[in-house]
Amino acid sequence: GSLRLSCTASGSIFSINTMGWYRQAPGKERELVARITWG
């Protein structure tokens, strides 16, 4: 199947930033899923 995650930032956001997703399963370390630059 499929899912779509969303994440909205607010507050004192530096204009140039990288946003992304990490995940952590039980008993495992947090790992990179995906990230995307401002560009």
Full PDB file with SEQRES, HELIX, SHEET, SSBOND, CRYST1, ORIGX, SCALE, CONECT and MASTER records, all heavy atoms in Angstrom:
SEQRES   1 A   39  GLY SER LEU ARG LEU SER CYS THR ALA SER GLY SER ILE          
SEQRES   2 A   39  PHE SER ILE ASN THR MET GLY TRP TYR ARG GLN ALA PRO          
SEQRES   3 A   39  GLY LYS GLU ARG GLU LEU VAL ALA ARG ILE THR TRP GLY          
SHEET    1 AA1 2 MET A  19  ARG A  23  0                                        
SHEET    2 AA1 2 GLU A  31  ILE A  36 -1                                        
CRYST1    1.000    1.000    1.000  90.00  90.00  90.00 P 1           1          
ORIGX1      1.000000  0.000000  0.000000        0.00000                         
ORIGX2      0.000000  1.000000  0.000000        0.00000                         
ORIGX3      0.000000  0.000000  1.000000        0.00000                         
SCALE1      1.000000  0.000000  0.000000        0.00000                         
SCALE2      0.000000  1.000000  0.000000        0.00000                         
SCALE3      0.000000  0.000000  1.000000        0.00000                         
ATOM      1  N   GLY A   1       0.800  -1.213   0.000  1.00  0.00           N  
ATOM      2  CA  GLY A   1       0.000   0.000   0.000  1.00  0.00           C  
ATOM      3  C   GLY A   1       0.835   1.264   0.000  1.00  0.00           C  
ATOM      4  O   GLY A   1       2.068   1.222  -0.076  1.00  0.00           O  
ATOM      5  N   SER A   2       0.137   2.395   0.116  1.00  0.00           N  
ATOM      6  CA  SER A   2       0.783   3.702   0.065  1.00  0.00           C  
ATOM      7  C   SER A   2       0.300   4.585   1.211  1.00  0.00           C  
ATOM      8  O   SER A   2      -0.815   4.433   1.701  1.00  0.00           O  
ATOM      9  CB  SER A   2       0.465   4.408  -1.256  1.00  0.00           C  
ATOM     10  OG  SER A   2       0.939   3.683  -2.367  1.00  0.00           O  
ATOM     11  N   LEU A   3       1.196   5.494   1.603  1.00  0.00           N  
ATOM     12  CA  LEU A   3       0.871   6.541   2.563  1.00  0.00           C  
ATOM     13  C   LEU A   3       1.599   7.803   2.156  1.00  0.00           C  
ATOM     14  O   LEU A   3       2.665   7.733   1.530  1.00  0.00           O  
ATOM     15  CB  LEU A   3       1.295   6.160   3.980  1.00  0.00           C  
ATOM     16  CG  LEU A   3       0.425   5.227   4.811  1.00  0.00           C  
ATOM     17  CD1 LEU A   3       1.113   4.923   6.139  1.00  0.00           C  
ATOM     18  CD2 LEU A   3      -0.951   5.803   5.042  1.00  0.00           C  
ATOM     19  N   ARG A   4       1.059   8.944   2.571  1.00  0.00           N  
ATOM     20  CA  ARG A   4       1.730  10.217   2.331  1.00  0.00           C  
ATOM     21  C   ARG A   4       1.863  10.948   3.655  1.00  0.00           C  
ATOM     22  O   ARG A   4       0.868  11.221   4.319  1.00  0.00           O  
ATOM     23  CB  ARG A   4       0.940  11.068   1.346  1.00  0.00           C  
ATOM     24  CG  ARG A   4       1.676  12.333   0.903  1.00  0.00           C  
ATOM     25  CD  ARG A   4       0.748  13.236   0.134  1.00  0.00           C  
ATOM     26  NE  ARG A   4       1.452  14.282  -0.596  1.00  0.00           N  
ATOM     27  CZ  ARG A   4       0.936  15.480  -0.845  1.00  0.00           C  
ATOM     28  NH1 ARG A   4      -0.280  15.773  -0.411  1.00  0.00           N  
ATOM     29  NH2 ARG A   4       1.631  16.381  -1.526  1.00  0.00           N  
ATOM     30  N   LEU A   5       3.092  11.257   4.011  1.00  0.00           N  
ATOM     31  CA  LEU A   5       3.369  12.026   5.213  1.00  0.00           C  
ATOM     32  C   LEU A   5       3.578  13.498   4.851  1.00  0.00           C  
ATOM     33  O   LEU A   5       4.121  13.802   3.789  1.00  0.00           O  
ATOM     34  CB  LEU A   5       4.613  11.504   5.927  1.00  0.00           C  
ATOM     35  CG  LEU A   5       4.648  10.027   6.306  1.00  0.00           C  
ATOM     36  CD1 LEU A   5       5.931   9.709   7.067  1.00  0.00           C  
ATOM     37  CD2 LEU A   5       3.437   9.635   7.107  1.00  0.00           C  
ATOM     38  N   SER A   6       3.152  14.363   5.768  1.00  0.00           N  
ATOM     39  CA  SER A   6       3.373  15.801   5.607  1.00  0.00           C  
ATOM     40  C   SER A   6       3.988  16.354   6.880  1.00  0.00           C  
ATOM     41  O   SER A   6       3.723  15.859   7.976  1.00  0.00           O  
ATOM     42  CB  SER A   6       2.057  16.533   5.330  1.00  0.00           C  
ATOM     43  OG  SER A   6       1.432  16.074   4.167  1.00  0.00           O  
ATOM     44  N   CYS A   7       4.788  17.393   6.719  1.00  0.00           N  
ATOM     45  CA  CYS A   7       5.394  18.061   7.873  1.00  0.00           C  
ATOM     46  C   CYS A   7       5.480  19.553   7.564  1.00  0.00           C  
ATOM     47  O   CYS A   7       6.082  19.945   6.559  1.00  0.00           O  
ATOM     48  CB  CYS A   7       6.781  17.500   8.149  1.00  0.00           C  
ATOM     49  SG  CYS A   7       7.716  18.422   9.407  1.00  0.00           S  
ATOM     50  N   THR A   8       4.884  20.349   8.438  1.00  0.00           N  
ATOM     51  CA  THR A   8       4.897  21.794   8.267  1.00  0.00           C  
ATOM     52  C   THR A   8       5.704  22.448   9.373  1.00  0.00           C  
ATOM     53  O   THR A   8       5.506  22.142  10.551  1.00  0.00           O  
ATOM     54  CB  THR A   8       3.472  22.358   8.265  1.00  0.00           C  
ATOM     55  OG1 THR A   8       2.758  21.793   7.163  1.00  0.00           O  
ATOM     56  CG2 THR A   8       3.475  23.870   8.120  1.00  0.00           C  
ATOM     57  N   ALA A   9       6.594  23.339   8.976  1.00  0.00           N  
ATOM     58  CA  ALA A   9       7.440  24.054   9.920  1.00  0.00           C  
ATOM     59  C   ALA A   9       6.889  25.449  10.182  1.00  0.00           C  
ATOM     60  O   ALA A   9       6.354  26.099   9.291  1.00  0.00           O  
ATOM     61  CB  ALA A   9       8.857  24.153   9.379  1.00  0.00           C  
ATOM     62  N   SER A  10       7.046  25.902  11.415  1.00  0.00           N  
ATOM     63  CA  SER A  10       6.650  27.256  11.788  1.00  0.00           C  
ATOM     64  C   SER A  10       7.639  27.798  12.804  1.00  0.00           C  
ATOM     65  O   SER A  10       8.420  27.052  13.389  1.00  0.00           O  
ATOM     66  CB  SER A  10       5.234  27.259  12.364  1.00  0.00           C  
ATOM     67  OG  SER A  10       5.160  26.480  13.531  1.00  0.00           O  
ATOM     68  N   GLY A  11       7.599  29.119  12.992  1.00  0.00           N  
ATOM     69  CA  GLY A  11       8.505  29.743  13.952  1.00  0.00           C  
ATOM     70  C   GLY A  11       9.640  30.474  13.242  1.00  0.00           C  
ATOM     71  O   GLY A  11       9.485  30.957  12.133  1.00  0.00           O  
ATOM     72  N   SER A  12      10.789  30.493  13.886  1.00  0.00           N  
ATOM     73  CA  SER A  12      11.953  31.226  13.374  1.00  0.00           C  
ATOM     74  C   SER A  12      12.722  30.349  12.392  1.00  0.00           C  
ATOM     75  O   SER A  12      13.782  29.801  12.707  1.00  0.00           O  
ATOM     76  CB  SER A  12      12.844  31.655  14.537  1.00  0.00           C  
ATOM     77  OG  SER A  12      12.128  32.472  15.445  1.00  0.00           O  
ATOM     78  N   ILE A  13      12.180  30.244  11.204  1.00  0.00           N  
ATOM     79  CA  ILE A  13      12.753  29.331  10.204  1.00  0.00           C  
ATOM     80  C   ILE A  13      13.832  30.056   9.419  1.00  0.00           C  
ATOM     81  O   ILE A  13      13.579  31.097   8.828  1.00  0.00           O  
ATOM     82  CB  ILE A  13      11.662  28.821   9.254  1.00  0.00           C  
ATOM     83  CG1 ILE A  13      10.562  28.118  10.038  1.00  0.00           C  
ATOM     84  CG2 ILE A  13      12.273  27.879   8.214  1.00  0.00           C  
ATOM     85  CD1 ILE A  13       9.336  27.844   9.223  1.00  0.00           C  
ATOM     86  N   PHE A  14      15.018  29.484   9.430  1.00  0.00           N  
ATOM     87  CA  PHE A  14      16.090  30.010   8.587  1.00  0.00           C  
ATOM     88  C   PHE A  14      15.697  29.756   7.149  1.00  0.00           C  
ATOM     89  O   PHE A  14      15.284  28.656   6.791  1.00  0.00           O  
ATOM     90  CB  PHE A  14      17.416  29.331   8.934  1.00  0.00           C  
ATOM     91  CG  PHE A  14      18.590  29.917   8.227  1.00  0.00           C  
ATOM     92  CD1 PHE A  14      19.020  31.202   8.519  1.00  0.00           C  
ATOM     93  CD2 PHE A  14      19.286  29.192   7.283  1.00  0.00           C  
ATOM     94  CE1 PHE A  14      20.122  31.750   7.872  1.00  0.00           C  
ATOM     95  CE2 PHE A  14      20.387  29.726   6.630  1.00  0.00           C  
ATOM     96  CZ  PHE A  14      20.795  31.009   6.918  1.00  0.00           C  
ATOM     97  N   SER A  15      15.828  30.746   6.315  1.00  0.00           N  
ATOM     98  CA  SER A  15      15.260  30.662   4.975  1.00  0.00           C  
ATOM     99  C   SER A  15      15.874  29.553   4.137  1.00  0.00           C  
ATOM    100  O   SER A  15      15.188  28.939   3.322  1.00  0.00           O  
ATOM    101  CB  SER A  15      15.395  31.997   4.257  1.00  0.00           C  
ATOM    102  OG  SER A  15      16.761  32.361   4.155  1.00  0.00           O  
ATOM    103  N   ILE A  16      17.154  29.293   4.304  1.00  0.00           N  
ATOM    104  CA  ILE A  16      17.812  28.231   3.537  1.00  0.00           C  
ATOM    105  C   ILE A  16      17.974  27.028   4.457  1.00  0.00           C  
ATOM    106  O   ILE A  16      18.715  27.087   5.442  1.00  0.00           O  
ATOM    107  CB  ILE A  16      19.175  28.676   2.998  1.00  0.00           C  
ATOM    108  CG1 ILE A  16      19.032  29.981   2.210  1.00  0.00           C  
ATOM    109  CG2 ILE A  16      19.794  27.567   2.152  1.00  0.00           C  
ATOM    110  CD1 ILE A  16      18.128  29.885   1.001  1.00  0.00           C  
ATOM    111  N   ASN A  17      17.281  25.950   4.159  1.00  0.00           N  
ATOM    112  CA  ASN A  17      17.335  24.795   5.044  1.00  0.00           C  
ATOM    113  C   ASN A  17      17.117  23.508   4.271  1.00  0.00           C  
ATOM    114  O   ASN A  17      16.666  23.522   3.126  1.00  0.00           O  
ATOM    115  CB  ASN A  17      16.279  24.930   6.150  1.00  0.00           C  
ATOM    116  CG  ASN A  17      14.880  25.073   5.589  1.00  0.00           C  
ATOM    117  OD1 ASN A  17      14.331  24.133   5.008  1.00  0.00           O  
ATOM    118  ND2 ASN A  17      14.285  26.228   5.767  1.00  0.00           N  
ATOM    119  N   THR A  18      17.462  22.427   4.911  1.00  0.00           N  
ATOM    120  CA  THR A  18      17.173  21.092   4.391  1.00  0.00           C  
ATOM    121  C   THR A  18      16.113  20.469   5.271  1.00  0.00           C  
ATOM    122  O   THR A  18      16.224  20.520   6.503  1.00  0.00           O  
ATOM    123  CB  THR A  18      18.445  20.220   4.383  1.00  0.00           C  
ATOM    124  OG1 THR A  18      19.378  20.769   3.443  1.00  0.00           O  
ATOM    125  CG2 THR A  18      18.125  18.785   3.988  1.00  0.00           C  
ATOM    126  N   MET A  19      15.092  19.904   4.666  1.00  0.00           N  
ATOM    127  CA  MET A  19      14.059  19.205   5.423  1.00  0.00           C  
ATOM    128  C   MET A  19      14.048  17.743   5.027  1.00  0.00           C  
ATOM    129  O   MET A  19      14.413  17.397   3.893  1.00  0.00           O  
ATOM    130  CB  MET A  19      12.687  19.828   5.178  1.00  0.00           C  
ATOM    131  CG  MET A  19      12.562  21.251   5.689  1.00  0.00           C  
ATOM    132  SD  MET A  19      10.882  21.915   5.561  1.00  0.00           S  
ATOM    133  CE  MET A  19      10.066  21.012   6.896  1.00  0.00           C  
ATOM    134  N   GLY A  20      13.654  16.904   5.947  1.00  0.00           N  
ATOM    135  CA  GLY A  20      13.677  15.491   5.618  1.00  0.00           C  
ATOM    136  C   GLY A  20      12.947  14.634   6.624  1.00  0.00           C  
ATOM    137  O   GLY A  20      12.308  15.136   7.551  1.00  0.00           O  
ATOM    138  N   TRP A  21      13.057  13.343   6.406  1.00  0.00           N  
ATOM    139  CA  TRP A  21      12.410  12.342   7.242  1.00  0.00           C  
ATOM    140  C   TRP A  21      13.424  11.299   7.679  1.00  0.00           C  
ATOM    141  O   TRP A  21      14.236  10.826   6.864  1.00  0.00           O  
ATOM    142  CB  TRP A  21      11.285  11.655   6.472  1.00  0.00           C  
ATOM    143  CG  TRP A  21      10.158  12.567   6.125  1.00  0.00           C  
ATOM    144  CD1 TRP A  21      10.017  13.299   4.979  1.00  0.00           C  
ATOM    145  CD2 TRP A  21       9.016  12.854   6.929  1.00  0.00           C  
ATOM    146  NE1 TRP A  21       8.859  14.029   5.028  1.00  0.00           N  
ATOM    147  CE2 TRP A  21       8.218  13.771   6.211  1.00  0.00           C  
ATOM    148  CE3 TRP A  21       8.577  12.426   8.180  1.00  0.00           C  
ATOM    149  CZ2 TRP A  21       7.015  14.264   6.710  1.00  0.00           C  
ATOM    150  CZ3 TRP A  21       7.378  12.908   8.675  1.00  0.00           C  
ATOM    151  CH2 TRP A  21       6.607  13.821   7.937  1.00  0.00           C  
ATOM    152  N   TYR A  22      13.353  10.949   8.935  1.00  0.00           N  
ATOM    153  CA  TYR A  22      14.126   9.854   9.501  1.00  0.00           C  
ATOM    154  C   TYR A  22      13.133   8.897  10.150  1.00  0.00           C  
ATOM    155  O   TYR A  22      12.002   9.270  10.435  1.00  0.00           O  
ATOM    156  CB  TYR A  22      15.119  10.371  10.543  1.00  0.00           C  
ATOM    157  CG  TYR A  22      16.243  11.190   9.956  1.00  0.00           C  
ATOM    158  CD1 TYR A  22      16.019  12.467   9.454  1.00  0.00           C  
ATOM    159  CD2 TYR A  22      17.542  10.682   9.890  1.00  0.00           C  
ATOM    160  CE1 TYR A  22      17.051  13.217   8.902  1.00  0.00           C  
ATOM    161  CE2 TYR A  22      18.589  11.428   9.339  1.00  0.00           C  
ATOM    162  CZ  TYR A  22      18.323  12.687   8.856  1.00  0.00           C  
ATOM    163  OH  TYR A  22      19.351  13.421   8.307  1.00  0.00           O  
ATOM    164  N   ARG A  23      13.562   7.682  10.385  1.00  0.00           N  
ATOM    165  CA  ARG A  23      12.678   6.722  11.043  1.00  0.00           C  
ATOM    166  C   ARG A  23      13.451   5.890  12.055  1.00  0.00           C  
ATOM    167  O   ARG A  23      14.660   5.714  11.932  1.00  0.00           O  
ATOM    168  CB  ARG A  23      11.986   5.817  10.023  1.00  0.00           C  
ATOM    169  CG  ARG A  23      12.916   4.855   9.303  1.00  0.00           C  
ATOM    170  CD  ARG A  23      12.144   4.107   8.215  1.00  0.00           C  
ATOM    171  NE  ARG A  23      12.997   3.129   7.518  1.00  0.00           N  
ATOM    172  CZ  ARG A  23      12.616   2.470   6.434  1.00  0.00           C  
ATOM    173  NH1 ARG A  23      11.399   2.652   5.914  1.00  0.00           N  
ATOM    174  NH2 ARG A  23      13.439   1.607   5.878  1.00  0.00           N  
ATOM    175  N   GLN A  24      12.703   5.404  13.027  1.00  0.00           N  
ATOM    176  CA  GLN A  24      13.300   4.548  14.047  1.00  0.00           C  
ATOM    177  C   GLN A  24      12.340   3.425  14.384  1.00  0.00           C  
ATOM    178  O   GLN A  24      11.213   3.667  14.825  1.00  0.00           O  
ATOM    179  CB  GLN A  24      13.640   5.349  15.307  1.00  0.00           C  
ATOM    180  CG  GLN A  24      14.437   4.567  16.326  1.00  0.00           C  
ATOM    181  CD  GLN A  24      15.046   5.458  17.385  1.00  0.00           C  
ATOM    182  OE1 GLN A  24      14.609   6.589  17.613  1.00  0.00           O  
ATOM    183  NE2 GLN A  24      16.063   4.957  18.070  1.00  0.00           N  
ATOM    184  N   ALA A  25      12.807   2.207  14.150  1.00  0.00           N  
ATOM    185  CA  ALA A  25      12.046   1.007  14.502  1.00  0.00           C  
ATOM    186  C   ALA A  25      12.484   0.527  15.884  1.00  0.00           C  
ATOM    187  O   ALA A  25      13.594   0.842  16.328  1.00  0.00           O  
ATOM    188  CB  ALA A  25      12.278  -0.077  13.464  1.00  0.00           C  
ATOM    189  N   PRO A  26      11.632  -0.228  16.575  1.00  0.00           N  
ATOM    190  CA  PRO A  26      12.001  -0.713  17.915  1.00  0.00           C  
ATOM    191  C   PRO A  26      13.319  -1.473  17.905  1.00  0.00           C  
ATOM    192  O   PRO A  26      13.532  -2.363  17.064  1.00  0.00           O  
ATOM    193  CB  PRO A  26      10.834  -1.638  18.273  1.00  0.00           C  
ATOM    194  CG  PRO A  26       9.689  -1.096  17.499  1.00  0.00           C  
ATOM    195  CD  PRO A  26      10.271  -0.616  16.206  1.00  0.00           C  
ATOM    196  N   GLY A  27      14.224  -1.107  18.799  1.00  0.00           N  
ATOM    197  CA  GLY A  27      15.496  -1.795  18.903  1.00  0.00           C  
ATOM    198  C   GLY A  27      16.521  -1.410  17.862  1.00  0.00           C  
ATOM    199  O   GLY A  27      17.615  -1.996  17.819  1.00  0.00           O  
ATOM    200  N   LYS A  28      16.193  -0.432  17.026  1.00  0.00           N  
ATOM    201  CA  LYS A  28      17.125  -0.022  15.968  1.00  0.00           C  
ATOM    202  C   LYS A  28      17.456   1.458  16.106  1.00  0.00           C  
ATOM    203  O   LYS A  28      16.738   2.216  16.753  1.00  0.00           O  
ATOM    204  CB  LYS A  28      16.523  -0.299  14.595  1.00  0.00           C  
ATOM    205  CG  LYS A  28      16.316  -1.771  14.291  1.00  0.00           C  
ATOM    206  CD  LYS A  28      15.897  -1.981  12.845  1.00  0.00           C  
ATOM    207  CE  LYS A  28      15.779  -3.458  12.503  1.00  0.00           C  
ATOM    208  NZ  LYS A  28      15.401  -3.677  11.083  1.00  0.00           N  
ATOM    209  N   GLU A  29      18.558   1.857  15.466  1.00  0.00           N  
ATOM    210  CA  GLU A  29      18.952   3.259  15.471  1.00  0.00           C  
ATOM    211  C   GLU A  29      18.102   4.056  14.474  1.00  0.00           C  
ATOM    212  O   GLU A  29      17.571   3.503  13.508  1.00  0.00           O  
ATOM    213  CB  GLU A  29      20.435   3.383  15.118  1.00  0.00           C  
ATOM    214  CG  GLU A  29      21.366   2.784  16.163  1.00  0.00           C  
ATOM    215  CD  GLU A  29      22.830   3.073  15.863  1.00  0.00           C  
ATOM    216  OE1 GLU A  29      23.118   3.626  14.790  1.00  0.00           O  
ATOM    217  OE2 GLU A  29      23.671   2.735  16.716  1.00  0.00           O  
ATOM    218  N   ARG A  30      18.034   5.351  14.730  1.00  0.00           N  
ATOM    219  CA  ARG A  30      17.333   6.231  13.802  1.00  0.00           C  
ATOM    220  C   ARG A  30      18.118   6.283  12.491  1.00  0.00           C  
ATOM    221  O   ARG A  30      19.345   6.397  12.493  1.00  0.00           O  
ATOM    222  CB  ARG A  30      17.186   7.630  14.403  1.00  0.00           C  
ATOM    223  CG  ARG A  30      16.261   8.534  13.635  1.00  0.00           C  
ATOM    224  CD  ARG A  30      16.013   9.831  14.384  1.00  0.00           C  
ATOM    225  NE  ARG A  30      15.297   9.609  15.645  1.00  0.00           N  
ATOM    226  CZ  ARG A  30      14.793  10.597  16.389  1.00  0.00           C  
ATOM    227  NH1 ARG A  30      14.936  11.859  15.994  1.00  0.00           N  
ATOM    228  NH2 ARG A  30      14.167  10.325  17.512  1.00  0.00           N  
ATOM    229  N   GLU A  31      17.408   6.218  11.370  1.00  0.00           N  
ATOM    230  CA  GLU A  31      18.075   6.212  10.077  1.00  0.00           C  
ATOM    231  C   GLU A  31      17.413   7.206   9.125  1.00  0.00           C  
ATOM    232  O   GLU A  31      16.228   7.510   9.236  1.00  0.00           O  
ATOM    233  CB  GLU A  31      18.033   4.810   9.451  1.00  0.00           C  
ATOM    234  CG  GLU A  31      16.645   4.313   9.118  1.00  0.00           C  
ATOM    235  CD  GLU A  31      16.640   2.985   8.361  1.00  0.00           C  
ATOM    236  OE1 GLU A  31      17.727   2.465   8.038  1.00  0.00           O  
ATOM    237  OE2 GLU A  31      15.538   2.488   8.068  1.00  0.00           O  
ATOM    238  N   LEU A  32      18.207   7.660   8.179  1.00  0.00           N  
ATOM    239  CA  LEU A  32      17.703   8.563   7.157  1.00  0.00           C  
ATOM    240  C   LEU A  32      16.737   7.820   6.235  1.00  0.00           C  
ATOM    241  O   LEU A  32      17.053   6.744   5.722  1.00  0.00           O  
ATOM    242  CB  LEU A  32      18.855   9.129   6.330  1.00  0.00           C  
ATOM    243  CG  LEU A  32      18.448   9.926   5.085  1.00  0.00           C  
ATOM    244  CD1 LEU A  32      17.801  11.241   5.483  1.00  0.00           C  
ATOM    245  CD2 LEU A  32      19.646  10.141   4.180  1.00  0.00           C  
ATOM    246  N   VAL A  33      15.584   8.441   5.995  1.00  0.00           N  
ATOM    247  CA  VAL A  33      14.663   7.955   4.969  1.00  0.00           C  
ATOM    248  C   VAL A  33      14.882   8.766   3.690  1.00  0.00           C  
ATOM    249  O   VAL A  33      15.195   8.222   2.637  1.00  0.00           O  
ATOM    250  CB  VAL A  33      13.201   8.074   5.429  1.00  0.00           C  
ATOM    251  CG1 VAL A  33      12.266   7.615   4.324  1.00  0.00           C  
ATOM    252  CG2 VAL A  33      12.973   7.262   6.702  1.00  0.00           C  
ATOM    253  N   ALA A  34      14.722  10.073   3.816  1.00  0.00           N  
ATOM    254  CA  ALA A  34      14.920  10.967   2.674  1.00  0.00           C  
ATOM    255  C   ALA A  34      15.043  12.393   3.184  1.00  0.00           C  
ATOM    256  O   ALA A  34      14.482  12.733   4.227  1.00  0.00           O  
ATOM    257  CB  ALA A  34      13.765  10.864   1.687  1.00  0.00           C  
ATOM    258  N   ARG A  35      15.765  13.224   2.436  1.00  0.00           N  
ATOM    259  CA  ARG A  35      15.863  14.634   2.751  1.00  0.00           C  
ATOM    260  C   ARG A  35      15.950  15.404   1.450  1.00  0.00           C  
ATOM    261  O   ARG A  35      16.290  14.845   0.403  1.00  0.00           O  
ATOM    262  CB  ARG A  35      17.071  14.933   3.644  1.00  0.00           C  
ATOM    263  CG  ARG A  35      18.395  14.510   3.061  1.00  0.00           C  
ATOM    264  CD  ARG A  35      19.503  14.560   4.100  1.00  0.00           C  
ATOM    265  NE  ARG A  35      20.732  13.975   3.583  1.00  0.00           N  
ATOM    266  CZ  ARG A  35      21.769  13.652   4.335  1.00  0.00           C  
ATOM    267  NH1 ARG A  35      21.731  13.856   5.649  1.00  0.00           N  
ATOM    268  NH2 ARG A  35      22.846  13.129   3.788  1.00  0.00           N  
ATOM    269  N   ILE A  36      15.641  16.699   1.533  1.00  0.00           N  
ATOM    270  CA  ILE A  36      15.603  17.513   0.325  1.00  0.00           C  
ATOM    271  C   ILE A  36      16.080  18.915   0.668  1.00  0.00           C  
ATOM    272  O   ILE A  36      15.691  19.497   1.687  1.00  0.00           O  
ATOM    273  CB  ILE A  36      14.176  17.514  -0.281  1.00  0.00           C  
ATOM    274  CG1 ILE A  36      14.144  18.243  -1.617  1.00  0.00           C  
ATOM    275  CG2 ILE A  36      13.140  18.065   0.690  1.00  0.00           C  
ATOM    276  CD1 ILE A  36      12.852  17.999  -2.399  1.00  0.00           C  
ATOM    277  N   THR A  37      16.928  19.448  -0.191  1.00  0.00           N  
ATOM    278  CA  THR A  37      17.471  20.774   0.044  1.00  0.00           C  
ATOM    279  C   THR A  37      16.455  21.847  -0.314  1.00  0.00           C  
ATOM    280  O   THR A  37      15.417  21.573  -0.944  1.00  0.00           O  
ATOM    281  CB  THR A  37      18.741  21.006  -0.785  1.00  0.00           C  
ATOM    282  OG1 THR A  37      18.379  21.020  -2.173  1.00  0.00           O  
ATOM    283  CG2 THR A  37      19.776  19.916  -0.535  1.00  0.00           C  
ATOM    284  N   TRP A  38      16.775  23.067   0.088  1.00  0.00           N  
ATOM    285  CA  TRP A  38      15.914  24.198  -0.262  1.00  0.00           C  
ATOM    286  C   TRP A  38      15.718  24.279  -1.775  1.00  0.00           C  
ATOM    287  O   TRP A  38      14.637  24.606  -2.260  1.00  0.00           O  
ATOM    288  CB  TRP A  38      16.554  25.483   0.262  1.00  0.00           C  
ATOM    289  CG  TRP A  38      15.779  26.721  -0.053  1.00  0.00           C  
ATOM    290  CD1 TRP A  38      15.986  27.613  -1.063  1.00  0.00           C  
ATOM    291  CD2 TRP A  38      14.647  27.209   0.674  1.00  0.00           C  
ATOM    292  NE1 TRP A  38      15.065  28.629  -1.013  1.00  0.00           N  
ATOM    293  CE2 TRP A  38      14.236  28.404   0.027  1.00  0.00           C  
ATOM    294  CE3 TRP A  38      13.960  26.750   1.800  1.00  0.00           C  
ATOM    295  CZ2 TRP A  38      13.154  29.147   0.497  1.00  0.00           C  
ATOM    296  CZ3 TRP A  38      12.887  27.506   2.254  1.00  0.00           C  
ATOM    297  CH2 TRP A  38      12.497  28.680   1.605  1.00  0.00           C  
ATOM    298  N   GLY A  39      16.755  23.933  -2.527  1.00  0.00           N  
ATOM    299  CA  GLY A  39      16.693  23.999  -3.990  1.00  0.00           C  
ATOM    300  C   GLY A  39      16.033  22.791  -4.632  1.00  0.00           C  
ATOM    301  O   GLY A  39      15.930  22.725  -5.858  1.00  0.00           O  
TER     302      GLY A  39                                                      
MASTER        0    0    0    0    2    0    0    6  301    1    0    3          
END                                                                             
